[in-house]
Amino acid sequence: MAGDAAHAAAVSVPATLVTTPTLHPAAGQNNVLAEPQRHLSTNFARRGFAAVWDEVRHRPGATGSPRLHAVLAVLECTAESRLPGG
């Protein structure tokens, strides 16, 4: 993908955030979907942990998070540090 250069960003998430068991707590990924992929967004939003992956084309990204096929962009992140917040 063009522009695979590393960039920095600050992200704040609650310490109580619940993710799927396959995701590493210090890594994550966002797949930016195109309009024709609305069905994927609906699938994951409505089903949560029970999301259907059977017909979703994907592969593991660098962090092991699922990288969906033919998305507009992928933001793959790792945690550099953890700080308490409020």
PDB file of N, CA and C in Angstrom:
ATOM      1  N   MET A   1       0.841  -1.167   0.000  1.00  0.00           N
ATOM      2  CA  MET A   1       0.000   0.000   0.000  1.00  0.00           C
ATOM      3  C   MET A   1       0.890   1.235   0.000  1.00  0.00           C
ATOM      4  N   ALA A   2       0.612   2.209  -0.822  1.00  0.00           N
ATOM      5  CA  ALA A   2       1.383   3.437  -0.879  1.00  0.00           C
ATOM      6  C   ALA A   2       1.283   4.163   0.443  1.00  0.00           C
ATOM      7  N   GLY A   3       2.378   4.753   0.871  1.00  0.00           N
ATOM      8  CA  GLY A   3       2.362   5.522   2.103  1.00  0.00           C
ATOM      9  C   GLY A   3       2.393   4.660   3.353  1.00  0.00           C
ATOM     10  N   ASP A   4       3.111   3.538   3.323  1.00  0.00           N
ATOM     11  CA  ASP A   4       3.196   2.674   4.499  1.00  0.00           C
ATOM     12  C   ASP A   4       4.177   3.218   5.543  1.00  0.00           C
ATOM     13  N   ALA A   5       4.546   4.485   5.454  1.00  0.00           N
ATOM     14  CA  ALA A   5       5.477   5.072   6.401  1.00  0.00           C
ATOM     15  C   ALA A   5       4.856   5.146   7.787  1.00  0.00           C
ATOM     16  N   ALA A   6       5.707   5.098   8.808  1.00  0.00           N
ATOM     17  CA  ALA A   6       5.222   5.170  10.187  1.00  0.00           C
ATOM     18  C   ALA A   6       4.937   6.612  10.567  1.00  0.00           C
ATOM     19  N   HIS A   7       3.838   6.823  11.246  1.00  0.00           N
ATOM     20  CA  HIS A   7       3.453   8.130  11.751  1.00  0.00           C
ATOM     21  C   HIS A   7       3.048   7.972  13.200  1.00  0.00           C
ATOM     22  N   ALA A   8       3.063   9.060  13.957  1.00  0.00           N
ATOM     23  CA  ALA A   8       2.686   9.002  15.366  1.00  0.00           C
ATOM     24  C   ALA A   8       1.321   9.646  15.569  1.00  0.00           C
ATOM     25  N   ALA A   9       0.580   9.112  16.519  1.00  0.00           N
ATOM     26  CA  ALA A   9      -0.713   9.682  16.900  1.00  0.00           C
ATOM     27  C   ALA A   9      -0.976   9.330  18.352  1.00  0.00           C
ATOM     28  N   ALA A  10      -1.707  10.182  19.036  1.00  0.00           N
ATOM     29  CA  ALA A  10      -2.107   9.897  20.417  1.00  0.00           C
ATOM     30  C   ALA A  10      -3.557   9.457  20.408  1.00  0.00           C
ATOM     31  N   VAL A  11      -3.829   8.348  21.062  1.00  0.00           N
ATOM     32  CA  VAL A  11      -5.180   7.807  21.136  1.00  0.00           C
ATOM     33  C   VAL A  11      -5.484   7.504  22.591  1.00  0.00           C
ATOM     34  N   SER A  12      -6.668   7.873  23.023  1.00  0.00           N
ATOM     35  CA  SER A  12      -7.079   7.609  24.392  1.00  0.00           C
ATOM     36  C   SER A  12      -8.241   6.631  24.384  1.00  0.00           C
ATOM     37  N   VAL A  13      -8.091   5.519  25.098  1.00  0.00           N
ATOM     38  CA  VAL A  13      -9.162   4.533  25.225  1.00  0.00           C
ATOM     39  C   VAL A  13      -9.329   4.192  26.691  1.00  0.00           C
ATOM     40  N   PRO A  14     -10.542   3.867  27.115  1.00  0.00           N
ATOM     41  CA  PRO A  14     -10.753   3.523  28.527  1.00  0.00           C
ATOM     42  C   PRO A  14     -10.014   2.243  28.911  1.00  0.00           C
ATOM     43  N   ALA A  15      -9.525   2.199  30.129  1.00  0.00           N
ATOM     44  CA  ALA A  15      -8.821   1.009  30.621  1.00  0.00           C
ATOM     45  C   ALA A  15      -9.743  -0.194  30.668  1.00  0.00           C
ATOM     46  N   THR A  16     -11.034   0.030  30.685  1.00  0.00           N
ATOM     47  CA  THR A  16     -12.005  -1.064  30.771  1.00  0.00           C
ATOM     48  C   THR A  16     -12.477  -1.528  29.396  1.00  0.00           C
ATOM     49  N   LEU A  17     -11.863  -1.043  28.330  1.00  0.00           N
ATOM     50  CA  LEU A  17     -12.269  -1.407  26.972  1.00  0.00           C
ATOM     51  C   LEU A  17     -12.217  -2.914  26.790  1.00  0.00           C
ATOM     52  N   VAL A  18     -13.270  -3.474  26.230  1.00  0.00           N
ATOM     53  CA  VAL A  18     -13.346  -4.905  25.962  1.00  0.00           C
ATOM     54  C   VAL A  18     -13.155  -5.103  24.464  1.00  0.00           C
ATOM     55  N   THR A  19     -12.211  -5.958  24.082  1.00  0.00           N
ATOM     56  CA  THR A  19     -11.971  -6.260  22.671  1.00  0.00           C
ATOM     57  C   THR A  19     -12.124  -7.752  22.460  1.00  0.00           C
ATOM     58  N   THR A  20     -12.064  -8.154  21.205  1.00  0.00           N
ATOM     59  CA  THR A  20     -12.142  -9.584  20.932  1.00  0.00           C
ATOM     60  C   THR A  20     -10.901 -10.268  21.482  1.00  0.00           C
ATOM     61  N   PRO A  21     -11.008 -11.524  21.879  1.00  0.00           N
ATOM     62  CA  PRO A  21      -9.877 -12.223  22.494  1.00  0.00           C
ATOM     63  C   PRO A  21      -8.659 -12.355  21.581  1.00  0.00           C
ATOM     64  N   THR A  22      -8.828 -12.227  20.268  1.00  0.00           N
ATOM     65  CA  THR A  22      -7.707 -12.410  19.357  1.00  0.00           C
ATOM     66  C   THR A  22      -6.846 -11.158  19.240  1.00  0.00           C
ATOM     67  N   LEU A  23      -7.325 -10.024  19.707  1.00  0.00           N
ATOM     68  CA  LEU A  23      -6.561  -8.791  19.582  1.00  0.00           C
ATOM     69  C   LEU A  23      -5.577  -8.640  20.726  1.00  0.00           C
ATOM     70  N   HIS A  24      -4.379  -8.238  20.405  1.00  0.00           N
ATOM     71  CA  HIS A  24      -3.366  -7.976  21.408  1.00  0.00           C
ATOM     72  C   HIS A  24      -3.681  -6.626  22.039  1.00  0.00           C
ATOM     73  N   PRO A  25      -3.646  -6.510  23.375  1.00  0.00           N
ATOM     74  CA  PRO A  25      -4.032  -5.260  24.012  1.00  0.00           C
ATOM     75  C   PRO A  25      -3.122  -4.090  23.689  1.00  0.00           C
ATOM     76  N   ALA A  26      -1.914  -4.334  23.202  1.00  0.00           N
ATOM     77  CA  ALA A  26      -0.992  -3.245  22.887  1.00  0.00           C
ATOM     78  C   ALA A  26      -0.945  -2.954  21.394  1.00  0.00           C
ATOM     79  N   ALA A  27      -1.841  -3.533  20.623  1.00  0.00           N
ATOM     80  CA  ALA A  27      -1.835  -3.324  19.179  1.00  0.00           C
ATOM     81  C   ALA A  27      -3.265  -3.287  18.669  1.00  0.00           C
ATOM     82  N   GLY A  28      -3.436  -2.677  17.534  1.00  0.00           N
ATOM     83  CA  GLY A  28      -4.765  -2.627  16.956  1.00  0.00           C
ATOM     84  C   GLY A  28      -4.723  -2.122  15.533  1.00  0.00           C
ATOM     85  N   GLN A  29      -5.872  -2.111  14.917  1.00  0.00           N
ATOM     86  CA  GLN A  29      -5.932  -1.737  13.515  1.00  0.00           C
ATOM     87  C   GLN A  29      -7.316  -1.206  13.182  1.00  0.00           C
ATOM     88  N   ASN A  30      -7.367  -0.220  12.338  1.00  0.00           N
ATOM     89  CA  ASN A  30      -8.629   0.291  11.805  1.00  0.00           C
ATOM     90  C   ASN A  30      -8.604   0.124  10.301  1.00  0.00           C
ATOM     91  N   ASN A  31      -9.641  -0.466   9.763  1.00  0.00           N
ATOM     92  CA  ASN A  31      -9.803  -0.613   8.324  1.00  0.00           C
ATOM     93  C   ASN A  31     -10.811   0.437   7.872  1.00  0.00           C
ATOM     94  N   VAL A  32     -10.403   1.300   6.948  1.00  0.00           N
ATOM     95  CA  VAL A  32     -11.289   2.343   6.435  1.00  0.00           C
ATOM     96  C   VAL A  32     -12.025   1.777   5.232  1.00  0.00           C
ATOM     97  N   LEU A  33     -13.345   1.636   5.366  1.00  0.00           N
ATOM     98  CA  LEU A  33     -14.152   0.983   4.342  1.00  0.00           C
ATOM     99  C   LEU A  33     -14.671   1.958   3.297  1.00  0.00           C
ATOM    100  N   ALA A  34     -14.889   1.436   2.092  1.00  0.00           N
ATOM    101  CA  ALA A  34     -15.512   2.194   1.010  1.00  0.00           C
ATOM    102  C   ALA A  34     -17.020   1.966   1.059  1.00  0.00           C
ATOM    103  N   GLU A  35     -17.782   2.797   0.392  1.00  0.00           N
ATOM    104  CA  GLU A  35     -19.243   2.688   0.390  1.00  0.00           C
ATOM    105  C   GLU A  35     -19.731   1.283   0.011  1.00  0.00           C
ATOM    106  N   PRO A  36     -19.150   0.637  -1.005  1.00  0.00           N
ATOM    107  CA  PRO A  36     -19.618  -0.719  -1.342  1.00  0.00           C
ATOM    108  C   PRO A  36     -19.370  -1.760  -0.240  1.00  0.00           C
ATOM    109  N   GLN A  37     -18.610  -1.397   0.785  1.00  0.00           N
ATOM    110  CA  GLN A  37     -18.321  -2.324   1.885  1.00  0.00           C
ATOM    111  C   GLN A  37     -19.190  -2.055   3.115  1.00  0.00           C
ATOM    112  N   ARG A  38     -20.259  -1.315   2.933  1.00  0.00           N
ATOM    113  CA  ARG A  38     -21.155  -0.978   4.049  1.00  0.00           C
ATOM    114  C   ARG A  38     -21.641  -2.242   4.771  1.00  0.00           C
ATOM    115  N   HIS A  39     -21.860  -3.305   4.026  1.00  0.00           N
ATOM    116  CA  HIS A  39     -22.324  -4.552   4.644  1.00  0.00           C
ATOM    117  C   HIS A  39     -21.337  -5.072   5.691  1.00  0.00           C
ATOM    118  N   LEU A  40     -20.039  -4.836   5.483  1.00  0.00           N
ATOM    119  CA  LEU A  40     -19.043  -5.264   6.467  1.00  0.00           C
ATOM    120  C   LEU A  40     -19.198  -4.463   7.751  1.00  0.00           C
ATOM    121  N   SER A  41     -19.364  -3.164   7.614  1.00  0.00           N
ATOM    122  CA  SER A  41     -19.560  -2.309   8.783  1.00  0.00           C
ATOM    123  C   SER A  41     -20.800  -2.736   9.561  1.00  0.00           C
ATOM    124  N   THR A  42     -21.868  -2.997   8.846  1.00  0.00           N
ATOM    125  CA  THR A  42     -23.114  -3.426   9.485  1.00  0.00           C
ATOM    126  C   THR A  42     -22.926  -4.765  10.197  1.00  0.00           C
ATOM    127  N   ASN A  43     -22.228  -5.687   9.562  1.00  0.00           N
ATOM    128  CA  ASN A  43     -21.963  -6.997  10.159  1.00  0.00           C
ATOM    129  C   ASN A  43     -21.239  -6.851  11.491  1.00  0.00           C
ATOM    130  N   PHE A  44     -20.162  -6.096  11.519  1.00  0.00           N
ATOM    131  CA  PHE A  44     -19.365  -5.984  12.733  1.00  0.00           C
ATOM    132  C   PHE A  44     -20.043  -5.114  13.791  1.00  0.00           C
ATOM    133  N   ALA A  45     -20.777  -4.104  13.388  1.00  0.00           N
ATOM    134  CA  ALA A  45     -21.442  -3.222  14.351  1.00  0.00           C
ATOM    135  C   ALA A  45     -22.601  -3.918  15.055  1.00  0.00           C
ATOM    136  N   ARG A  46     -23.360  -4.686  14.352  1.00  0.00           N
ATOM    137  CA  ARG A  46     -24.536  -5.326  14.939  1.00  0.00           C
ATOM    138  C   ARG A  46     -24.203  -6.588  15.722  1.00  0.00           C
ATOM    139  N   ARG A  47     -23.175  -7.291  15.341  1.00  0.00           N
ATOM    140  CA  ARG A  47     -22.912  -8.594  15.927  1.00  0.00           C
ATOM    141  C   ARG A  47     -21.856  -8.578  17.034  1.00  0.00           C
ATOM    142  N   GLY A  48     -21.033  -7.543  17.107  1.00  0.00           N
ATOM    143  CA  GLY A  48     -20.005  -7.475  18.149  1.00  0.00           C
ATOM    144  C   GLY A  48     -19.113  -8.698  18.132  1.00  0.00           C
ATOM    145  N   PHE A  49     -19.038  -9.401  19.268  1.00  0.00           N
ATOM    146  CA  PHE A  49     -18.173 -10.577  19.366  1.00  0.00           C
ATOM    147  C   PHE A  49     -18.626 -11.706  18.454  1.00  0.00           C
ATOM    148  N   ALA A  50     -19.887 -11.696  18.049  1.00  0.00           N
ATOM    149  CA  ALA A  50     -20.429 -12.753  17.200  1.00  0.00           C
ATOM    150  C   ALA A  50     -20.359 -12.386  15.713  1.00  0.00           C
ATOM    151  N   ALA A  51     -19.549 -11.405  15.355  1.00  0.00           N
ATOM    152  CA  ALA A  51     -19.433 -11.001  13.957  1.00  0.00           C
ATOM    153  C   ALA A  51     -19.062 -12.200  13.092  1.00  0.00           C
ATOM    154  N   VAL A  52     -19.618 -12.248  11.913  1.00  0.00           N
ATOM    155  CA  VAL A  52     -19.383 -13.357  10.999  1.00  0.00           C
ATOM    156  C   VAL A  52     -18.145 -13.058  10.145  1.00  0.00           C
ATOM    157  N   TRP A  53     -17.155 -13.937  10.213  1.00  0.00           N
ATOM    158  CA  TRP A  53     -15.921 -13.783   9.446  1.00  0.00           C
ATOM    159  C   TRP A  53     -15.844 -14.763   8.276  1.00  0.00           C
ATOM    160  N   ASP A  54     -16.774 -15.682   8.159  1.00  0.00           N
ATOM    161  CA  ASP A  54     -16.691 -16.760   7.174  1.00  0.00           C
ATOM    162  C   ASP A  54     -16.447 -16.286   5.748  1.00  0.00           C
ATOM    163  N   GLU A  55     -17.111 -15.236   5.314  1.00  0.00           N
ATOM    164  CA  GLU A  55     -16.963 -14.785   3.925  1.00  0.00           C
ATOM    165  C   GLU A  55     -16.285 -13.429   3.819  1.00  0.00           C
ATOM    166  N   VAL A  56     -15.591 -13.017   4.863  1.00  0.00           N
ATOM    167  CA  VAL A  56     -14.883 -11.739   4.860  1.00  0.00           C
ATOM    168  C   VAL A  56     -13.427 -11.997   4.487  1.00  0.00           C
ATOM    169  N   ARG A  57     -13.019 -11.473   3.326  1.00  0.00           N
ATOM    170  CA  ARG A  57     -11.630 -11.666   2.891  1.00  0.00           C
ATOM    171  C   ARG A  57     -10.715 -10.799   3.745  1.00  0.00           C
ATOM    172  N   HIS A  58      -9.744 -11.441   4.400  1.00  0.00           N
ATOM    173  CA  HIS A  58      -8.811 -10.717   5.252  1.00  0.00           C
ATOM    174  C   HIS A  58      -7.548 -11.552   5.452  1.00  0.00           C
ATOM    175  N   ARG A  59      -6.549 -10.903   5.999  1.00  0.00           N
ATOM    176  CA  ARG A  59      -5.301 -11.558   6.355  1.00  0.00           C
ATOM    177  C   ARG A  59      -4.757 -10.869   7.600  1.00  0.00           C
ATOM    178  N   PRO A  60      -3.881 -11.503   8.333  1.00  0.00           N
ATOM    179  CA  PRO A  60      -3.307 -10.841   9.503  1.00  0.00           C
ATOM    180  C   PRO A  60      -2.394  -9.687   9.068  1.00  0.00           C
ATOM    181  N   GLY A  61      -2.521  -8.568   9.750  1.00  0.00           N
ATOM    182  CA  GLY A  61      -1.614  -7.452   9.517  1.00  0.00           C
ATOM    183  C   GLY A  61      -0.340  -7.642  10.320  1.00  0.00           C
ATOM    184  N   ALA A  62       0.503  -6.630  10.353  1.00  0.00           N
ATOM    185  CA  ALA A  62       1.783  -6.710  11.061  1.00  0.00           C
ATOM    186  C   ALA A  62       1.603  -6.985  12.551  1.00  0.00           C
ATOM    187  N   THR A  63       0.514  -6.490  13.134  1.00  0.00           N
ATOM    188  CA  THR A  63       0.272  -6.696  14.566  1.00  0.00           C
ATOM    189  C   THR A  63      -0.567  -7.931  14.845  1.00  0.00           C
ATOM    190  N   GLY A  64      -0.996  -8.629  13.785  1.00  0.00           N
ATOM    191  CA  GLY A  64      -1.850  -9.797  13.951  1.00  0.00           C
ATOM    192  C   GLY A  64      -3.325  -9.474  13.857  1.00  0.00           C
ATOM    193  N   SER A  65      -3.666  -8.204  13.854  1.00  0.00           N
ATOM    194  CA  SER A  65      -5.066  -7.785  13.719  1.00  0.00           C
ATOM    195  C   SER A  65      -5.528  -8.031  12.290  1.00  0.00           C
ATOM    196  N   PRO A  66      -6.817  -8.286  12.091  1.00  0.00           N
ATOM    197  CA  PRO A  66      -7.313  -8.577  10.737  1.00  0.00           C
ATOM    198  C   PRO A  66      -7.255  -7.371   9.809  1.00  0.00           C
ATOM    199  N   ARG A  67      -6.609  -7.547   8.670  1.00  0.00           N
ATOM    200  CA  ARG A  67      -6.513  -6.509   7.639  1.00  0.00           C
ATOM    201  C   ARG A  67      -7.460  -6.925   6.519  1.00  0.00           C
ATOM    202  N   LEU A  68      -8.549  -6.173   6.356  1.00  0.00           N
ATOM    203  CA  LEU A  68      -9.566  -6.527   5.374  1.00  0.00           C
ATOM    204  C   LEU A  68      -9.091  -6.275   3.952  1.00  0.00           C
ATOM    205  N   HIS A  69      -9.582  -7.064   3.021  1.00  0.00           N
ATOM    206  CA  HIS A  69      -9.216  -6.968   1.615  1.00  0.00           C
ATOM    207  C   HIS A  69      -9.875  -5.752   0.964  1.00  0.00           C
ATOM    208  N   ALA A  70      -9.125  -5.030   0.149  1.00  0.00           N
ATOM    209  CA  ALA A  70      -9.620  -3.948  -0.706  1.00  0.00           C
ATOM    210  C   ALA A  70     -10.269  -2.791   0.049  1.00  0.00           C
ATOM    211  N   VAL A  71      -9.759  -2.454   1.225  1.00  0.00           N
ATOM    212  CA  VAL A  71     -10.267  -1.290   1.941  1.00  0.00           C
ATOM    213  C   VAL A  71      -9.566  -0.033   1.428  1.00  0.00           C
ATOM    214  N   LEU A  72     -10.111   1.135   1.751  1.00  0.00           N
ATOM    215  CA  LEU A  72      -9.515   2.397   1.306  1.00  0.00           C
ATOM    216  C   LEU A  72      -8.173   2.659   1.980  1.00  0.00           C
ATOM    217  N   ALA A  73      -8.090   2.347   3.274  1.00  0.00           N
ATOM    218  CA  ALA A  73      -6.854   2.574   4.030  1.00  0.00           C
ATOM    219  C   ALA A  73      -6.848   1.667   5.254  1.00  0.00           C
ATOM    220  N   VAL A  74      -5.654   1.438   5.778  1.00  0.00           N
ATOM    221  CA  VAL A  74      -5.486   0.652   7.002  1.00  0.00           C
ATOM    222  C   VAL A  74      -4.605   1.455   7.944  1.00  0.00           C
ATOM    223  N   LEU A  75      -5.059   1.609   9.175  1.00  0.00           N
ATOM    224  CA  LEU A  75      -4.283   2.274  10.218  1.00  0.00           C
ATOM    225  C   LEU A  75      -3.913   1.211  11.243  1.00  0.00           C
ATOM    226  N   GLU A  76      -2.670   0.775  11.207  1.00  0.00           N
ATOM    227  CA  GLU A  76      -2.218  -0.280  12.106  1.00  0.00           C
ATOM    228  C   GLU A  76      -1.332   0.350  13.174  1.00  0.00           C
ATOM    229  N   CYS A  77      -1.649   0.074  14.435  1.00  0.00           N
ATOM    230  CA  CYS A  77      -1.017   0.796  15.540  1.00  0.00           C
ATOM    231  C   CYS A  77      -0.456  -0.146  16.601  1.00  0.00           C
ATOM    232  N   THR A  78       0.570   0.321  17.266  1.00  0.00           N
ATOM    233  CA  THR A  78       1.088  -0.351  18.452  1.00  0.00           C
ATOM    234  C   THR A  78       1.205   0.689  19.558  1.00  0.00           C
ATOM    235  N   ALA A  79       1.099   0.252  20.792  1.00  0.00           N
ATOM    236  CA  ALA A  79       1.212   1.163  21.933  1.00  0.00           C
ATOM    237  C   ALA A  79       2.678   1.408  22.255  1.00  0.00           C
ATOM    238  N   GLU A  80       3.034   2.651  22.362  1.00  0.00           N
ATOM    239  CA  GLU A  80       4.403   3.025  22.763  1.00  0.00           C
ATOM    240  C   GLU A  80       4.487   3.191  24.261  1.00  0.00           C
ATOM    241  N   SER A  81       3.404   3.683  24.878  1.00  0.00           N
ATOM    242  CA  SER A  81       3.369   3.839  26.320  1.00  0.00           C
ATOM    243  C   SER A  81       1.927   3.884  26.792  1.00  0.00           C
ATOM    244  N   ARG A  82       1.754   3.627  28.075  1.00  0.00           N
ATOM    245  CA  ARG A  82       0.427   3.691  28.692  1.00  0.00           C
ATOM    246  C   ARG A  82       0.509   4.628  29.889  1.00  0.00           C
ATOM    247  N   LEU A  83      -0.376   5.578  29.921  1.00  0.00           N
ATOM    248  CA  LEU A  83      -0.409   6.542  30.997  1.00  0.00           C
ATOM    249  C   LEU A  83      -1.788   6.566  31.631  1.00  0.00           C
ATOM    250  N   PRO A  84      -1.864   6.710  32.954  1.00  0.00           N
ATOM    251  CA  PRO A  84      -3.183   6.808  33.581  1.00  0.00           C
ATOM    252  C   PRO A  84      -3.831   8.133  33.205  1.00  0.00           C
ATOM    253  N   GLY A  85      -5.124   8.121  33.058  1.00  0.00           N
ATOM    254  CA  GLY A  85      -5.840   9.348  32.707  1.00  0.00           C
ATOM    255  C   GLY A  85      -7.169   9.385  33.423  1.00  0.00           C
ATOM    256  N   GLY A  86      -7.900  10.436  33.149  1.00  0.00           N
ATOM    257  CA  GLY A  86      -9.186  10.533  33.817  1.00  0.00           C
ATOM    258  C   GLY A  86     -10.213  11.222  32.997  1.00  0.00           C
TER     259      GLY A  86
END
